[in-house]
Amino acid sequence: MQKAGGIIALIAGIFGFIAAIFTLMAGGLTAGLEEVSASLDGVAVDNSASDAIATFGALGVLFSFLTIVFGALAMGAKTKLMGYLLIGSSVGGILTGGTLVAVCMVLALIGGVLATIGAGKT
């Protein structure tokens, strides 16, 4: 069950990374549209929405990368520590990564629980 949890977490981390890249692209698109509309109207630009989306994307990339690393390490770990770290990184991705990343991190959370249950006693 430990190897299955690690494999599930790896797959979820890869999909989460792709989702985070899409979130970053959406933040850039939002910033570009705000600047175009501001130049047409001749008013100052408020980049708060695009900054927030870019922050979600950057944190999504970070937690997806951590999920990939901890998922790979959880497959051969002797203790439950990697499973706990995997659960922590998936919860961090759920809370800070945006909607697309959160959907993928739910799968990583399931993989972390499986990796924790399947690991030997500490």
Protein backbone atom coordinates (compact mmCIF):
# COMPACT_ATOMS: atom_id res chain seq x y z
CA MET A 1 0.00 0.00 0.00
CA GLN A 2 2.96 2.29 0.59
CA LYS A 3 4.18 2.06 -3.02
CA ALA A 4 0.65 2.63 -4.31
CA GLY A 5 0.38 5.77 -2.18
CA GLY A 6 3.70 7.05 -3.53
CA ILE A 7 2.67 6.39 -7.13
CA ILE A 8 -0.69 8.11 -6.61
CA ALA A 9 1.11 11.10 -5.07
CA LEU A 10 3.56 11.27 -7.99
CA ILE A 11 0.72 11.32 -10.52
CA ALA A 12 -1.17 13.94 -8.48
CA GLY A 13 1.97 16.08 -8.17
CA ILE A 14 2.56 16.03 -11.92
CA PHE A 15 -1.05 16.99 -12.64
CA GLY A 16 -0.86 19.64 -9.91
CA PHE A 17 2.26 21.10 -11.51
CA ILE A 18 0.48 21.33 -14.87
CA ALA A 19 -2.53 22.94 -13.18
CA ALA A 20 -0.24 25.46 -11.44
CA ILE A 21 1.33 26.40 -14.78
CA PHE A 22 -2.17 27.03 -16.18
CA THR A 23 -2.92 29.18 -13.12
CA LEU A 24 0.24 31.20 -13.73
CA MET A 25 -0.75 31.66 -17.36
CA ALA A 26 -4.20 32.85 -16.27
CA GLY A 27 -2.56 35.41 -13.98
CA GLY A 28 -0.46 36.73 -16.86
CA LEU A 29 -3.49 36.88 -19.13
CA THR A 30 -5.44 38.78 -16.48
CA ALA A 31 -2.59 41.28 -16.08
CA GLY A 32 -2.42 41.80 -19.83
CA LEU A 33 -6.16 42.36 -20.12
CA GLU A 34 -6.11 44.85 -17.22
CA GLU A 35 -3.37 46.87 -18.90
CA VAL A 36 -5.16 46.90 -22.26
CA SER A 37 -8.43 48.05 -20.72
CA ALA A 38 -6.62 50.68 -18.65
CA SER A 39 -4.82 52.04 -21.69
CA LEU A 40 -8.10 52.30 -23.57
CA ASP A 41 -9.80 54.07 -20.66
CA GLY A 42 -6.79 56.18 -19.69
CA VAL A 43 -6.96 55.27 -15.97
CA ALA A 44 -4.50 53.77 -13.54
CA VAL A 45 -4.12 49.97 -13.49
CA ASP A 46 -5.10 47.90 -10.44
CA ASN A 47 -3.10 44.67 -10.62
CA SER A 48 -4.42 43.14 -7.38
CA ALA A 49 -6.36 40.35 -9.09
CA SER A 50 -3.51 39.32 -11.35
CA ASP A 51 -1.04 39.47 -8.44
CA ALA A 52 -3.27 37.16 -6.38
CA ILE A 53 -3.62 34.69 -9.24
CA ALA A 54 0.14 34.72 -9.81
CA THR A 55 0.69 34.05 -6.10
CA PHE A 56 -1.70 31.10 -6.25
CA GLY A 57 0.20 29.75 -9.25
CA ALA A 58 3.62 30.15 -7.63
CA LEU A 59 2.52 28.45 -4.41
CA GLY A 60 0.87 25.73 -6.49
CA VAL A 61 4.16 25.06 -8.28
CA LEU A 62 5.99 24.90 -4.94
CA PHE A 63 3.59 22.48 -3.25
CA SER A 64 3.25 20.35 -6.40
CA PHE A 65 7.01 20.01 -6.57
CA LEU A 66 7.14 19.06 -2.90
CA THR A 67 4.41 16.49 -3.51
CA ILE A 68 6.43 14.94 -6.33
CA VAL A 69 9.55 14.73 -4.18
CA PHE A 70 7.79 13.35 -1.09
CA GLY A 71 5.80 10.90 -3.21
CA ALA A 72 8.99 9.52 -4.73
CA LEU A 73 10.63 9.25 -1.32
CA ALA A 74 7.53 7.67 0.26
CA MET A 75 7.72 4.63 -2.01
CA GLY A 76 10.87 3.33 -0.35
CA ALA A 77 10.65 4.89 3.11
CA LYS A 78 10.83 2.72 6.20
CA THR A 79 9.02 5.17 8.49
CA LYS A 80 5.79 7.13 8.33
CA LEU A 81 7.57 10.50 8.16
CA MET A 82 7.42 10.76 4.36
CA GLY A 83 3.70 10.01 4.45
CA TYR A 84 3.17 12.78 6.99
CA LEU A 85 5.23 15.23 4.90
CA LEU A 86 3.23 14.22 1.84
CA ILE A 87 -0.02 14.90 3.67
CA GLY A 88 1.33 18.29 4.80
CA SER A 89 2.40 19.31 1.31
CA SER A 90 -0.93 18.26 -0.18
CA VAL A 91 -2.88 20.22 2.44
CA GLY A 92 -0.65 23.24 1.75
CA GLY A 93 -1.41 22.90 -1.94
CA ILE A 94 -5.13 22.61 -1.27
CA LEU A 95 -5.15 25.77 0.83
CA THR A 96 -2.86 27.99 -1.23
CA GLY A 97 -2.63 26.64 -4.78
CA GLY A 98 -5.90 27.71 -6.30
CA THR A 99 -8.84 25.66 -7.51
CA LEU A 100 -7.14 23.59 -10.21
CA VAL A 101 -4.23 22.67 -7.98
CA ALA A 102 -6.57 21.89 -5.07
CA VAL A 103 -8.42 19.29 -7.13
CA CYS A 104 -5.13 17.52 -7.88
CA MET A 105 -3.90 17.81 -4.30
CA VAL A 106 -6.96 15.94 -2.99
CA LEU A 107 -5.61 12.93 -4.90
CA ALA A 108 -2.19 13.55 -3.35
CA LEU A 109 -3.81 13.63 0.09
CA ILE A 110 -5.26 10.18 -0.54
CA GLY A 111 -1.83 8.99 -1.65
CA GLY A 112 -0.27 10.42 1.53
CA VAL A 113 -2.79 8.61 3.70
CA LEU A 114 -2.07 5.35 1.86
CA ALA A 115 1.70 5.87 2.20
CA THR A 116 1.31 6.53 5.92
CA ILE A 117 -0.89 3.50 6.53
CA GLY A 118 1.39 1.23 4.49
CA ALA A 119 4.66 2.25 6.17
CA GLY A 120 6.19 0.14 8.91
CA LYS A 121 6.04 1.03 12.57
CA THR A 122 8.37 3.80 13.73
